[in-house]
């Protein structure tokens, strides 16, 4: 099921589990899942906003630490939700190389300025 088609109370309940663990018995797996969903929501929303700002229909995701199909699926679903299906996200497979290359290019550009 795509997040765009999910009832709004499902997403709200996931976030609620991460907010207040003192009142209800919540196991560690639910708490971690809620935090991952919150992180994906934030990254997906930022990806959408930057793609709007740059007027690009494709977002290229280069991550150094996160290589998880579940994370990628949720992130893709949130980007699809906010863009109403107009944006697409691509995940780079050899991302540590591209992260290092991007950092080197950024440092080189900063040194020239």
Protein backbone atom coordinates (compact mmCIF):
# COMPACT_ATOMS: atom_id res chain seq x y z
CA UNK A 1 0.00 0.00 0.00
CA UNK A 2 1.31 3.43 -0.90
CA UNK A 3 1.42 6.01 1.87
CA UNK A 4 -0.53 8.40 -0.35
CA UNK A 5 -3.48 5.98 -0.18
CA UNK A 6 -3.20 5.32 3.57
CA UNK A 7 -5.62 6.80 6.08
CA UNK A 8 -4.15 9.83 7.83
CA UNK A 9 -4.59 8.31 11.29
CA UNK A 10 -2.09 5.53 10.47
CA UNK A 11 0.72 8.00 9.90
CA UNK A 12 -0.34 10.05 12.93
CA UNK A 13 -0.36 6.97 15.16
CA UNK A 14 3.17 6.04 14.05
CA UNK A 15 4.43 9.49 14.99
CA UNK A 16 2.45 9.42 18.25
CA UNK A 17 4.24 6.25 19.33
CA UNK A 18 7.58 8.00 19.07
CA UNK A 19 6.30 11.07 20.93
CA UNK A 20 4.99 9.61 24.16
CA UNK A 21 6.13 6.22 25.38
CA UNK A 22 5.14 6.70 29.03
CA UNK A 23 1.38 6.17 28.76
CA UNK A 24 1.13 3.11 26.52
CA UNK A 25 3.24 -0.03 26.43
CA UNK A 26 5.35 0.33 23.30
CA UNK A 27 8.00 -2.16 22.31
CA UNK A 28 11.36 -1.06 20.96
CA UNK A 29 10.60 -2.23 17.41
CA UNK A 30 7.53 0.03 17.19
CA UNK A 31 9.50 2.97 18.52
CA UNK A 32 12.33 2.48 16.02
CA UNK A 33 9.85 2.03 13.16
CA UNK A 34 8.11 5.28 14.14
CA UNK A 35 11.41 7.15 14.21
CA UNK A 36 12.39 5.79 10.79
CA UNK A 37 9.04 6.90 9.37
CA UNK A 38 9.49 10.37 10.89
CA UNK A 39 12.98 10.61 9.39
CA UNK A 40 11.68 9.52 5.99
CA UNK A 41 8.90 12.09 6.19
CA UNK A 42 11.40 14.87 6.83
CA UNK A 43 13.83 13.76 4.12
CA UNK A 44 11.01 13.19 1.64
CA UNK A 45 9.54 16.61 2.29
CA UNK A 46 12.92 18.31 1.96
CA UNK A 47 13.58 16.39 -1.25
CA UNK A 48 10.28 17.58 -2.65
CA UNK A 49 10.85 21.20 -1.65
CA UNK A 50 14.34 21.27 -3.16
CA UNK A 51 13.12 19.62 -6.36
CA UNK A 52 10.44 22.32 -6.58
CA UNK A 53 13.03 25.01 -5.95
CA UNK A 54 15.37 23.63 -8.62
CA UNK A 55 12.49 22.75 -11.02
CA UNK A 56 13.67 19.16 -11.48
CA UNK A 57 11.35 16.13 -11.73
CA UNK A 58 13.99 13.68 -10.48
CA UNK A 59 15.69 13.55 -7.09
CA UNK A 60 18.99 11.70 -6.85
CA UNK A 61 19.48 10.25 -3.36
CA UNK A 62 23.09 9.64 -2.37
CA UNK A 63 23.38 8.36 1.19
CA UNK A 64 26.49 7.14 2.91
CA UNK A 65 24.99 5.20 5.83
CA UNK A 66 21.46 4.16 4.86
CA UNK A 67 21.23 1.15 2.56
CA UNK A 68 17.84 -0.28 3.41
CA UNK A 69 15.06 -1.24 1.01
CA UNK A 70 12.42 -0.45 3.65
CA UNK A 71 13.83 3.07 4.16
CA UNK A 72 14.00 3.63 0.39
CA UNK A 73 10.40 2.46 -0.10
CA UNK A 74 9.04 4.75 2.61
CA UNK A 75 11.09 7.70 1.35
CA UNK A 76 9.86 7.10 -2.19
CA UNK A 77 6.27 6.88 -0.93
CA UNK A 78 6.51 10.19 0.92
CA UNK A 79 8.05 11.96 -2.07
CA UNK A 80 5.26 10.52 -4.20
CA UNK A 81 2.70 11.75 -1.65
CA UNK A 82 3.95 15.33 -1.47
CA UNK A 83 4.54 15.68 -5.20
CA UNK A 84 1.25 13.97 -6.10
CA UNK A 85 3.20 11.60 -8.34
CA UNK A 86 5.09 14.29 -10.30
CA UNK A 87 8.54 13.58 -8.80
CA UNK A 88 10.69 10.48 -8.98
CA UNK A 89 13.53 9.49 -6.67
CA UNK A 90 16.59 7.50 -7.74
CA UNK A 91 18.94 5.83 -5.28
CA UNK A 92 22.65 5.58 -6.09
CA UNK A 93 24.04 2.08 -5.48
CA UNK A 94 27.73 2.97 -5.03
CA UNK A 95 26.96 5.90 -2.79
CA UNK A 96 30.10 6.05 -0.57
CA UNK A 97 32.14 6.84 -3.68
CA UNK A 98 29.76 9.58 -4.79
CA UNK A 99 29.52 11.05 -1.28
CA UNK A 100 33.31 11.33 -1.15
CA UNK A 101 33.43 12.75 -4.69
CA UNK A 102 30.75 15.33 -3.84
CA UNK A 103 32.56 16.35 -0.66
CA UNK A 104 35.81 16.78 -2.59
CA UNK A 105 34.12 18.87 -5.29
CA UNK A 106 32.40 21.00 -2.63
CA UNK A 107 35.71 21.56 -0.82
CA UNK A 108 37.40 22.44 -4.10
CA UNK A 109 34.67 24.97 -4.92
CA UNK A 110 34.84 26.48 -1.42
CA UNK A 111 38.63 26.81 -1.70
CA UNK A 112 38.30 28.67 -5.00
CA UNK A 113 35.88 31.21 -3.51
